[in-house]
Amino acid sequence: DSFDASMLWRHSLGVAICARVIAERLGGKPELAFTAGLLHDIGQLLMFAAAPEQYDQVLRTKQESDCSLLAAEQAIFGYDHAAVGQALAQAWRLPRSIAEAIAAHHEPDEFDSEMGDLVHIAEVLSHALDLGELPNNRVPTLSAESGARLGLEWSEFSRCFPEIEARYQGLAQALGLSA
């Protein structure tokens, strides 16, 4: 009862839009970045679909212990959604950069992945802009190295925030995902 797929997709849409805009500004591949952002948390959906009772326990553990989702997943399953999502992306034979981005989106400094850095930054930015209207939203710690590796200049990029929010609102409404 505690898993909210609509909330997951709203959040994923927010990350996808942030990833696309970052890629556009950096001269990258916006469509690939959007797809990686949209799929970055697919491991959560798979874990819930495969073991709903255990995943509900993950969500209760996260709430009761005030720990991260990754820590709760590790405690209950022994692995986390980033690893599951990467394995799923590989099984689906998605581009390597998407699988790497899924794996790296929480811990980009442990990977050598440009798309991982980009999706990590998009994840943090999506939380910071509160895209997806997550309850008890916490902004994850931003890897300074990810921004440096991509050459992202925050003072210039911050001008894109209103555009990101407008794109999110428009697409969320068009997809029927508005909260």
N, C-alpha and C. Protein backbone atom coordinates (compact mmCIF):
# COMPACT_ATOMS: atom_id res chain seq x y z
N ASP A 1 0.81 -1.21 0.00
CA ASP A 1 0.00 0.00 0.00
C ASP A 1 0.85 1.27 0.00
N SER A 2 2.11 1.16 0.39
CA SER A 2 2.93 2.37 0.51
C SER A 2 3.66 2.73 -0.78
N PHE A 3 3.73 1.82 -1.74
CA PHE A 3 4.41 2.11 -3.00
C PHE A 3 3.48 2.90 -3.90
N ASP A 4 3.96 4.01 -4.40
CA ASP A 4 3.15 4.90 -5.24
C ASP A 4 3.81 5.01 -6.62
N ALA A 5 3.34 4.21 -7.56
CA ALA A 5 3.93 4.20 -8.90
C ALA A 5 3.77 5.54 -9.60
N SER A 6 2.66 6.22 -9.37
CA SER A 6 2.45 7.53 -9.99
C SER A 6 3.50 8.53 -9.51
N MET A 7 3.81 8.49 -8.23
CA MET A 7 4.84 9.37 -7.69
C MET A 7 6.20 9.04 -8.30
N LEU A 8 6.48 7.74 -8.46
CA LEU A 8 7.74 7.32 -9.07
C LEU A 8 7.85 7.87 -10.48
N TRP A 9 6.79 7.78 -11.25
CA TRP A 9 6.85 8.26 -12.63
C TRP A 9 6.90 9.78 -12.71
N ARG A 10 6.24 10.49 -11.79
CA ARG A 10 6.37 11.95 -11.75
C ARG A 10 7.82 12.34 -11.47
N HIS A 11 8.43 11.66 -10.49
CA HIS A 11 9.84 11.94 -10.18
C HIS A 11 10.73 11.61 -11.38
N SER A 12 10.49 10.46 -11.98
CA SER A 12 11.31 10.05 -13.13
C SER A 12 11.18 11.03 -14.29
N LEU A 13 9.98 11.53 -14.50
CA LEU A 13 9.77 12.54 -15.54
C LEU A 13 10.57 13.80 -15.22
N GLY A 14 10.57 14.21 -13.96
CA GLY A 14 11.35 15.38 -13.56
C GLY A 14 12.83 15.20 -13.84
N VAL A 15 13.35 14.03 -13.49
CA VAL A 15 14.77 13.74 -13.74
C VAL A 15 15.04 13.70 -15.24
N ALA A 16 14.12 13.12 -16.00
CA ALA A 16 14.30 13.03 -17.46
C ALA A 16 14.37 14.43 -18.09
N ILE A 17 13.49 15.31 -17.67
CA ILE A 17 13.50 16.67 -18.23
C ILE A 17 14.77 17.40 -17.83
N CYS A 18 15.17 17.28 -16.57
CA CYS A 18 16.43 17.92 -16.15
C CYS A 18 17.60 17.36 -16.95
N ALA A 19 17.64 16.05 -17.15
CA ALA A 19 18.74 15.43 -17.91
C ALA A 19 18.76 15.92 -19.35
N ARG A 20 17.59 16.04 -19.95
CA ARG A 20 17.51 16.53 -21.33
C ARG A 20 18.04 17.96 -21.44
N VAL A 21 17.62 18.82 -20.53
CA VAL A 21 18.05 20.21 -20.59
C VAL A 21 19.56 20.32 -20.35
N ILE A 22 20.07 19.56 -19.41
CA ILE A 22 21.52 19.57 -19.17
C ILE A 22 22.25 19.13 -20.44
N ALA A 23 21.80 18.04 -21.04
CA ALA A 23 22.44 17.55 -22.26
C ALA A 23 22.36 18.58 -23.39
N GLU A 24 21.21 19.25 -23.53
CA GLU A 24 21.08 20.29 -24.55
C GLU A 24 22.10 21.40 -24.33
N ARG A 25 22.23 21.83 -23.08
CA ARG A 25 23.14 22.95 -22.77
C ARG A 25 24.61 22.57 -22.93
N LEU A 26 24.92 21.28 -22.72
CA LEU A 26 26.31 20.83 -22.80
C LEU A 26 26.67 20.27 -24.18
N GLY A 27 25.70 20.29 -25.11
CA GLY A 27 25.97 19.77 -26.45
C GLY A 27 26.02 18.25 -26.49
N GLY A 28 25.30 17.61 -25.58
CA GLY A 28 25.27 16.15 -25.53
C GLY A 28 24.14 15.57 -26.36
N LYS A 29 23.65 14.42 -25.92
CA LYS A 29 22.58 13.72 -26.62
C LYS A 29 21.30 13.81 -25.79
N PRO A 30 20.46 14.80 -26.06
CA PRO A 30 19.27 15.03 -25.23
C PRO A 30 18.30 13.85 -25.16
N GLU A 31 18.08 13.16 -26.29
CA GLU A 31 17.13 12.05 -26.28
C GLU A 31 17.64 10.90 -25.40
N LEU A 32 18.92 10.61 -25.51
CA LEU A 32 19.52 9.56 -24.70
C LEU A 32 19.48 9.95 -23.21
N ALA A 33 19.77 11.20 -22.93
CA ALA A 33 19.74 11.69 -21.55
C ALA A 33 18.32 11.61 -20.98
N PHE A 34 17.33 12.00 -21.78
CA PHE A 34 15.94 11.93 -21.34
C PHE A 34 15.57 10.49 -21.00
N THR A 35 15.94 9.56 -21.87
CA THR A 35 15.62 8.14 -21.64
C THR A 35 16.31 7.63 -20.39
N ALA A 36 17.57 7.96 -20.22
CA ALA A 36 18.30 7.53 -19.01
C ALA A 36 17.66 8.10 -17.75
N GLY A 37 17.26 9.36 -17.81
CA GLY A 37 16.59 9.98 -16.67
C GLY A 37 15.25 9.33 -16.37
N LEU A 38 14.50 9.03 -17.42
CA LEU A 38 13.19 8.41 -17.23
C LEU A 38 13.32 7.02 -16.61
N LEU A 39 14.38 6.29 -16.96
CA LEU A 39 14.55 4.92 -16.48
C LEU A 39 15.44 4.79 -15.25
N HIS A 40 15.96 5.88 -14.72
CA HIS A 40 16.97 5.78 -13.66
C HIS A 40 16.51 5.01 -12.44
N ASP A 41 15.24 5.04 -12.10
CA ASP A 41 14.72 4.34 -10.91
C ASP A 41 13.90 3.10 -11.27
N ILE A 42 14.07 2.56 -12.48
CA ILE A 42 13.29 1.41 -12.91
C ILE A 42 13.50 0.21 -11.99
N GLY A 43 14.64 0.14 -11.34
CA GLY A 43 14.90 -0.95 -10.40
C GLY A 43 13.90 -0.97 -9.24
N GLN A 44 13.44 0.20 -8.82
CA GLN A 44 12.43 0.25 -7.75
C GLN A 44 11.16 -0.45 -8.20
N LEU A 45 10.72 -0.17 -9.40
CA LEU A 45 9.50 -0.76 -9.92
C LEU A 45 9.65 -2.28 -10.04
N LEU A 46 10.78 -2.73 -10.53
CA LEU A 46 11.02 -4.17 -10.65
C LEU A 46 11.05 -4.84 -9.28
N MET A 47 11.74 -4.22 -8.32
CA MET A 47 11.81 -4.80 -6.97
C MET A 47 10.42 -4.90 -6.35
N PHE A 48 9.61 -3.86 -6.52
CA PHE A 48 8.26 -3.89 -5.99
C PHE A 48 7.41 -4.94 -6.69
N ALA A 49 7.50 -5.00 -8.02
CA ALA A 49 6.70 -5.97 -8.78
C ALA A 49 7.07 -7.41 -8.42
N ALA A 50 8.35 -7.66 -8.19
CA ALA A 50 8.81 -9.02 -7.89
C ALA A 50 8.54 -9.41 -6.44
N ALA A 51 8.59 -8.46 -5.53
CA ALA A 51 8.45 -8.77 -4.10
C ALA A 51 7.75 -7.62 -3.38
N PRO A 52 6.44 -7.45 -3.61
CA PRO A 52 5.74 -6.29 -3.05
C PRO A 52 5.76 -6.21 -1.52
N GLU A 53 5.66 -7.32 -0.83
CA GLU A 53 5.66 -7.27 0.64
C GLU A 53 7.02 -6.83 1.16
N GLN A 54 8.09 -7.36 0.56
CA GLN A 54 9.43 -6.97 0.98
C GLN A 54 9.69 -5.50 0.65
N TYR A 55 9.18 -5.04 -0.51
CA TYR A 55 9.42 -3.65 -0.84
C TYR A 55 8.63 -2.72 0.06
N ASP A 56 7.44 -3.13 0.46
CA ASP A 56 6.71 -2.34 1.46
C ASP A 56 7.51 -2.27 2.75
N GLN A 57 8.20 -3.37 3.11
CA GLN A 57 9.06 -3.35 4.29
C GLN A 57 10.22 -2.37 4.10
N VAL A 58 10.75 -2.29 2.90
CA VAL A 58 11.80 -1.30 2.60
C VAL A 58 11.29 0.10 2.90
N LEU A 59 10.10 0.40 2.40
CA LEU A 59 9.55 1.75 2.59
C LEU A 59 9.25 2.03 4.06
N ARG A 60 8.79 1.02 4.80
CA ARG A 60 8.57 1.19 6.24
C ARG A 60 9.89 1.40 6.97
N THR A 61 10.89 0.62 6.60
CA THR A 61 12.22 0.75 7.23
C THR A 61 12.79 2.14 6.97
N LYS A 62 12.67 2.61 5.75
CA LYS A 62 13.15 3.96 5.41
C LYS A 62 12.47 5.00 6.29
N GLN A 63 11.15 4.88 6.43
CA GLN A 63 10.38 5.85 7.22
C GLN A 63 10.73 5.75 8.71
N GLU A 64 10.71 4.54 9.23
CA GLU A 64 10.92 4.34 10.67
C GLU A 64 12.35 4.63 11.11
N SER A 65 13.31 4.30 10.26
CA SER A 65 14.72 4.49 10.60
C SER A 65 15.28 5.81 10.12
N ASP A 66 14.49 6.54 9.33
CA ASP A 66 14.93 7.80 8.74
C ASP A 66 16.26 7.60 8.01
N CYS A 67 16.31 6.54 7.21
CA CYS A 67 17.52 6.24 6.44
C CYS A 67 17.22 6.43 4.96
N SER A 68 18.23 6.32 4.16
CA SER A 68 18.04 6.46 2.71
C SER A 68 17.33 5.23 2.16
N LEU A 69 16.72 5.39 1.01
CA LEU A 69 16.07 4.27 0.34
C LEU A 69 17.09 3.19 0.02
N LEU A 70 18.27 3.59 -0.42
CA LEU A 70 19.31 2.60 -0.73
C LEU A 70 19.68 1.78 0.49
N ALA A 71 19.83 2.43 1.64
CA ALA A 71 20.18 1.71 2.87
C ALA A 71 19.07 0.74 3.26
N ALA A 72 17.82 1.17 3.11
CA ALA A 72 16.70 0.30 3.44
C ALA A 72 16.63 -0.89 2.47
N GLU A 73 16.86 -0.64 1.19
CA GLU A 73 16.87 -1.74 0.22
C GLU A 73 17.98 -2.73 0.53
N GLN A 74 19.16 -2.21 0.85
CA GLN A 74 20.29 -3.08 1.20
C GLN A 74 19.95 -3.92 2.43
N ALA A 75 19.30 -3.30 3.41
CA ALA A 75 18.96 -4.02 4.65
C ALA A 75 17.97 -5.14 4.40
N ILE A 76 17.00 -4.92 3.54
CA ILE A 76 15.94 -5.91 3.30
C ILE A 76 16.33 -6.91 2.21
N PHE A 77 16.89 -6.43 1.12
CA PHE A 77 17.19 -7.29 -0.02
C PHE A 77 18.65 -7.72 -0.12
N GLY A 78 19.55 -6.89 0.39
CA GLY A 78 20.97 -7.16 0.21
C GLY A 78 21.54 -6.52 -1.05
N TYR A 79 20.74 -5.77 -1.76
CA TYR A 79 21.13 -5.03 -2.96
C TYR A 79 20.17 -3.86 -3.10
N ASP A 80 20.44 -2.96 -4.05
CA ASP A 80 19.58 -1.78 -4.18
C ASP A 80 19.04 -1.63 -5.60
N HIS A 81 18.15 -0.64 -5.75
CA HIS A 81 17.46 -0.46 -7.03
C HIS A 81 18.40 -0.01 -8.15
N ALA A 82 19.51 0.62 -7.83
CA ALA A 82 20.44 1.03 -8.88
C ALA A 82 21.08 -0.21 -9.54
N ALA A 83 21.45 -1.18 -8.72
CA ALA A 83 22.03 -2.42 -9.26
C ALA A 83 20.99 -3.22 -10.03
N VAL A 84 19.77 -3.30 -9.49
CA VAL A 84 18.69 -4.02 -10.17
C VAL A 84 18.35 -3.34 -11.49
N GLY A 85 18.26 -2.03 -11.49
CA GLY A 85 17.96 -1.30 -12.71
C GLY A 85 19.03 -1.48 -13.76
N GLN A 86 20.29 -1.47 -13.35
CA GLN A 86 21.38 -1.70 -14.29
C GLN A 86 21.27 -3.10 -14.91
N ALA A 87 21.01 -4.11 -14.08
CA ALA A 87 20.87 -5.47 -14.59
C ALA A 87 19.71 -5.58 -15.57
N LEU A 88 18.60 -4.92 -15.26
CA LEU A 88 17.45 -4.93 -16.15
C LEU A 88 17.78 -4.25 -17.48
N ALA A 89 18.44 -3.11 -17.42
CA ALA A 89 18.82 -2.40 -18.65
C ALA A 89 19.75 -3.26 -19.50
N GLN A 90 20.65 -3.98 -18.86
CA GLN A 90 21.54 -4.86 -19.60
C GLN A 90 20.76 -6.03 -20.21
N ALA A 91 19.82 -6.59 -19.45
CA ALA A 91 19.00 -7.69 -19.97
C ALA A 91 18.16 -7.23 -21.16
N TRP A 92 17.70 -5.99 -21.10
CA TRP A 92 16.92 -5.44 -22.21
C TRP A 92 17.82 -4.98 -23.37
N ARG A 93 19.12 -5.05 -23.18
CA ARG A 93 20.10 -4.64 -24.19
C ARG A 93 19.98 -3.17 -24.57
N LEU A 94 19.70 -2.36 -23.54
CA LEU A 94 19.67 -0.91 -23.74
C LEU A 94 21.11 -0.44 -23.92
N PRO A 95 21.30 0.75 -24.47
CA PRO A 95 22.66 1.25 -24.63
C PRO A 95 23.43 1.24 -23.31
N ARG A 96 24.70 0.94 -23.41
CA ARG A 96 25.57 0.84 -22.22
C ARG A 96 25.50 2.11 -21.38
N SER A 97 25.45 3.26 -22.04
CA SER A 97 25.44 4.52 -21.28
C SER A 97 24.18 4.64 -20.42
N ILE A 98 23.06 4.09 -20.85
CA ILE A 98 21.84 4.12 -20.03
C ILE A 98 22.00 3.20 -18.84
N ALA A 99 22.50 1.99 -19.07
CA ALA A 99 22.72 1.05 -17.96
C ALA A 99 23.68 1.64 -16.93
N GLU A 100 24.74 2.29 -17.41
CA GLU A 100 25.72 2.91 -16.50
C GLU A 100 25.08 4.06 -15.73
N ALA A 101 24.26 4.85 -16.40
CA ALA A 101 23.60 5.98 -15.73
C ALA A 101 22.68 5.49 -14.62
N ILE A 102 21.94 4.42 -14.88
CA ILE A 102 21.06 3.83 -13.87
C ILE A 102 21.89 3.38 -12.68
N ALA A 103 22.99 2.71 -12.94
CA ALA A 103 23.85 2.21 -11.86
C ALA A 103 24.49 3.35 -11.07
N ALA A 104 24.83 4.44 -11.73
CA ALA A 104 25.63 5.50 -11.12
C ALA A 104 24.83 6.65 -10.54
N HIS A 105 23.52 6.68 -10.69
CA HIS A 105 22.79 7.91 -10.38
C HIS A 105 22.85 8.32 -8.92
N HIS A 106 23.13 7.42 -8.00
CA HIS A 106 23.29 7.80 -6.59
C HIS A 106 24.76 7.94 -6.20
N GLU A 107 25.64 7.20 -6.84
CA GLU A 107 27.06 7.18 -6.49
C GLU A 107 27.92 7.39 -7.73
N PRO A 108 27.85 8.57 -8.35
CA PRO A 108 28.54 8.76 -9.63
C PRO A 108 30.06 8.70 -9.52
N ASP A 109 30.60 8.98 -8.35
CA ASP A 109 32.06 9.00 -8.22
C ASP A 109 32.65 7.59 -8.19
N GLU A 110 31.79 6.57 -8.08
CA GLU A 110 32.25 5.19 -8.10
C GLU A 110 32.27 4.63 -9.52
N PHE A 111 31.84 5.42 -10.49
CA PHE A 111 31.76 4.98 -11.88
C PHE A 111 32.48 5.97 -12.76
N ASP A 112 32.83 5.55 -13.94
CA ASP A 112 33.40 6.43 -14.94
C ASP A 112 32.39 6.53 -16.07
N SER A 113 31.37 7.37 -15.84
CA SER A 113 30.27 7.43 -16.78
C SER A 113 29.77 8.86 -16.92
N GLU A 114 29.95 9.41 -18.09
CA GLU A 114 29.46 10.77 -18.35
C GLU A 114 27.94 10.84 -18.17
N MET A 115 27.23 9.83 -18.69
CA MET A 115 25.77 9.82 -18.54
C MET A 115 25.39 9.60 -17.08
N GLY A 116 26.19 8.85 -16.35
CA GLY A 116 25.96 8.69 -14.91
C GLY A 116 26.08 10.01 -14.18
N ASP A 117 27.10 10.79 -14.52
CA ASP A 117 27.25 12.12 -13.92
C ASP A 117 26.05 13.00 -14.26
N LEU A 118 25.64 12.96 -15.52
CA LEU A 118 24.54 13.80 -15.96
C LEU A 118 23.23 13.43 -15.25
N VAL A 119 22.92 12.14 -15.15
CA VAL A 119 21.68 11.72 -14.50
C VAL A 119 21.75 11.97 -12.99
N HIS A 120 22.93 11.83 -12.41
CA HIS A 120 23.08 12.17 -10.99
C HIS A 120 22.73 13.64 -10.75
N ILE A 121 23.28 14.52 -11.56
CA ILE A 121 23.01 15.95 -11.42
C ILE A 121 21.52 16.21 -11.67
N ALA A 122 20.95 15.56 -12.67
CA ALA A 122 19.53 15.73 -12.96
C ALA A 122 18.68 15.26 -11.79
N GLU A 123 19.07 14.18 -11.14
CA GLU A 123 18.36 13.67 -9.96
C GLU A 123 18.37 14.70 -8.84
N VAL A 124 19.55 15.23 -8.54
CA VAL A 124 19.67 16.23 -7.48
C VAL A 124 18.86 17.48 -7.83
N LEU A 125 18.97 17.93 -9.07
CA LEU A 125 18.27 19.12 -9.52
C LEU A 125 16.75 18.92 -9.47
N SER A 126 16.28 17.75 -9.86
CA SER A 126 14.85 17.46 -9.81
C SER A 126 14.33 17.54 -8.38
N HIS A 127 15.10 17.01 -7.43
CA HIS A 127 14.71 17.12 -6.02
C HIS A 127 14.75 18.58 -5.56
N ALA A 128 15.80 19.30 -5.97
CA ALA A 128 15.94 20.70 -5.54
C ALA A 128 14.81 21.57 -6.06
N LEU A 129 14.35 21.28 -7.27
CA LEU A 129 13.24 22.04 -7.85
C LEU A 129 11.88 21.47 -7.44
N ASP A 130 11.89 20.40 -6.66
CA ASP A 130 10.69 19.71 -6.17
C ASP A 130 9.78 19.28 -7.32
N LEU A 131 10.39 18.77 -8.38
CA LEU A 131 9.62 18.23 -9.50
C LEU A 131 9.11 16.86 -9.07
N GLY A 132 7.85 16.62 -9.24
CA GLY A 132 7.25 15.36 -8.83
C GLY A 132 6.54 15.43 -7.51
N GLU A 133 6.67 16.55 -6.82
CA GLU A 133 5.97 16.78 -5.56
C GLU A 133 6.10 15.61 -4.60
N LEU A 134 7.34 15.17 -4.34
CA LEU A 134 7.58 14.04 -3.44
C LEU A 134 7.32 14.45 -1.99
N PRO A 135 6.62 13.63 -1.22
CA PRO A 135 6.43 13.96 0.19
C PRO A 135 7.77 13.84 0.93
N ASN A 136 7.99 14.71 1.89
CA ASN A 136 9.25 14.71 2.65
C ASN A 136 10.47 14.74 1.73
N ASN A 137 10.38 15.52 0.69
CA ASN A 137 11.44 15.61 -0.30
C ASN A 137 12.75 16.06 0.34
N ARG A 138 13.79 15.31 0.10
CA ARG A 138 15.14 15.68 0.55
C ARG A 138 16.04 15.75 -0.66
N VAL A 139 16.81 16.79 -0.73
CA VAL A 139 17.73 16.96 -1.85
C VAL A 139 18.98 16.13 -1.57
N PRO A 140 19.29 15.17 -2.44
CA PRO A 140 20.49 14.36 -2.24
C PRO A 140 21.75 15.22 -2.34
N THR A 141 22.81 14.71 -1.78
CA THR A 141 24.10 15.39 -1.85
C THR A 141 24.61 15.37 -3.29
N LEU A 142 25.01 16.52 -3.75
CA LEU A 142 25.51 16.66 -5.11
C LEU A 142 27.00 16.35 -5.14
N SER A 143 27.39 15.52 -6.06
CA SER A 143 28.81 15.25 -6.28
C SER A 143 29.41 16.44 -7.04
N ALA A 144 30.31 17.15 -6.38
CA ALA A 144 30.97 18.28 -7.04
C ALA A 144 31.80 17.80 -8.22
N GLU A 145 32.32 16.60 -8.10
CA GLU A 145 33.13 16.05 -9.18
C GLU A 145 32.29 15.82 -10.45
N SER A 146 31.03 15.43 -10.28
CA SER A 146 30.17 15.21 -11.45
C SER A 146 30.02 16.48 -12.26
N GLY A 147 29.74 17.58 -11.59
CA GLY A 147 29.61 18.85 -12.28
C GLY A 147 30.91 19.27 -12.95
N ALA A 148 32.02 19.06 -12.25
CA ALA A 148 33.32 19.43 -12.81
C ALA A 148 33.66 18.57 -14.03
N ARG A 149 33.39 17.27 -13.93
CA ARG A 149 33.68 16.38 -15.07
C ARG A 149 32.88 16.78 -16.30
N LEU A 150 31.65 17.24 -16.09
CA LEU A 150 30.81 17.65 -17.22
C LEU A 150 31.09 19.07 -17.69
N GLY A 151 31.78 19.85 -16.87
CA GLY A 151 32.03 21.25 -17.21
C GLY A 151 30.80 22.11 -17.03
N LEU A 152 29.94 21.76 -16.10
CA LEU A 152 28.69 22.48 -15.86
C LEU A 152 28.97 23.74 -15.03
N GLU A 153 28.57 24.86 -15.55
CA GLU A 153 28.70 26.15 -14.86
C GLU A 153 27.36 26.50 -14.25
N TRP A 154 27.24 26.32 -12.93
CA TRP A 154 25.95 26.51 -12.26
C TRP A 154 25.41 27.92 -12.38
N SER A 155 26.29 28.92 -12.36
CA SER A 155 25.80 30.30 -12.43
C SER A 155 25.07 30.55 -13.74
N GLU A 156 25.53 29.95 -14.82
CA GLU A 156 24.86 30.10 -16.11
C GLU A 156 23.68 29.14 -16.23
N PHE A 157 23.87 27.91 -15.77
CA PHE A 157 22.82 26.90 -15.92
C PHE A 157 21.58 27.23 -15.09
N SER A 158 21.76 27.91 -13.97
CA SER A 158 20.61 28.21 -13.10
C SER A 158 19.55 29.05 -13.83
N ARG A 159 19.94 29.72 -14.88
CA ARG A 159 18.96 30.48 -15.67
C ARG A 159 17.94 29.57 -16.37
N CYS A 160 18.25 28.29 -16.45
CA CYS A 160 17.37 27.32 -17.12
C CYS A 160 16.29 26.78 -16.18
N PHE A 161 16.35 27.09 -14.89
CA PHE A 161 15.41 26.50 -13.94
C PHE A 161 13.95 26.80 -14.28
N PRO A 162 13.60 28.04 -14.62
CA PRO A 162 12.19 28.28 -15.00
C PRO A 162 11.75 27.48 -16.22
N GLU A 163 12.65 27.33 -17.19
CA GLU A 163 12.34 26.53 -18.38
C GLU A 163 12.12 25.06 -18.00
N ILE A 164 12.97 24.53 -17.13
CA ILE A 164 12.83 23.14 -16.68
C ILE A 164 11.48 22.95 -16.00
N GLU A 165 11.13 23.87 -15.09
CA GLU A 165 9.87 23.75 -14.37
C GLU A 165 8.68 23.83 -15.33
N ALA A 166 8.74 24.71 -16.31
CA ALA A 166 7.64 24.84 -17.29
C ALA A 166 7.53 23.59 -18.15
N ARG A 167 8.65 23.04 -18.59
CA ARG A 167 8.61 21.81 -19.38
C ARG A 167 8.01 20.67 -18.54
N TYR A 168 8.43 20.59 -17.29
CA TYR A 168 7.91 19.53 -16.41
C TYR A 168 6.39 19.66 -16.26
N GLN A 169 5.93 20.85 -15.93
CA GLN A 169 4.49 21.05 -15.72
C GLN A 169 3.70 20.71 -16.99
N GLY A 170 4.18 21.14 -18.13
CA GLY A 170 3.48 20.87 -19.37
C GLY A 170 3.43 19.39 -19.71
N LEU A 171 4.54 18.70 -19.58
CA LEU A 171 4.57 17.28 -19.92
C LEU A 171 3.83 16.44 -18.89
N ALA A 172 3.97 16.79 -17.62
CA ALA A 172 3.23 16.05 -16.57
C ALA A 172 1.73 16.18 -16.79
N GLN A 173 1.29 17.37 -17.15
CA GLN A 173 -0.14 17.58 -17.40
C GLN A 173 -0.58 16.81 -18.65
N ALA A 174 0.23 16.85 -19.70
CA ALA A 174 -0.12 16.15 -20.93
C ALA A 174 -0.20 14.63 -20.72
N LEU A 175 0.63 14.13 -19.81
CA LEU A 175 0.65 12.68 -19.54
C LEU A 175 -0.31 12.27 -18.44
N GLY A 176 -1.01 13.25 -17.85
CA GLY A 176 -1.95 12.94 -16.77
C GLY A 176 -1.25 12.57 -15.47
N LEU A 177 -0.04 13.08 -15.27
CA LEU A 177 0.73 12.76 -14.07
C LEU A 177 0.71 13.89 -13.04
N SER A 178 -0.03 14.94 -13.28
CA SER A 178 -0.05 16.05 -12.33
C SER A 178 -0.61 15.56 -11.01
N ALA A 179 0.03 16.04 -9.94
CA ALA A 179 -0.38 15.62 -8.60
C ALA A 179 -1.73 16.21 -8.22
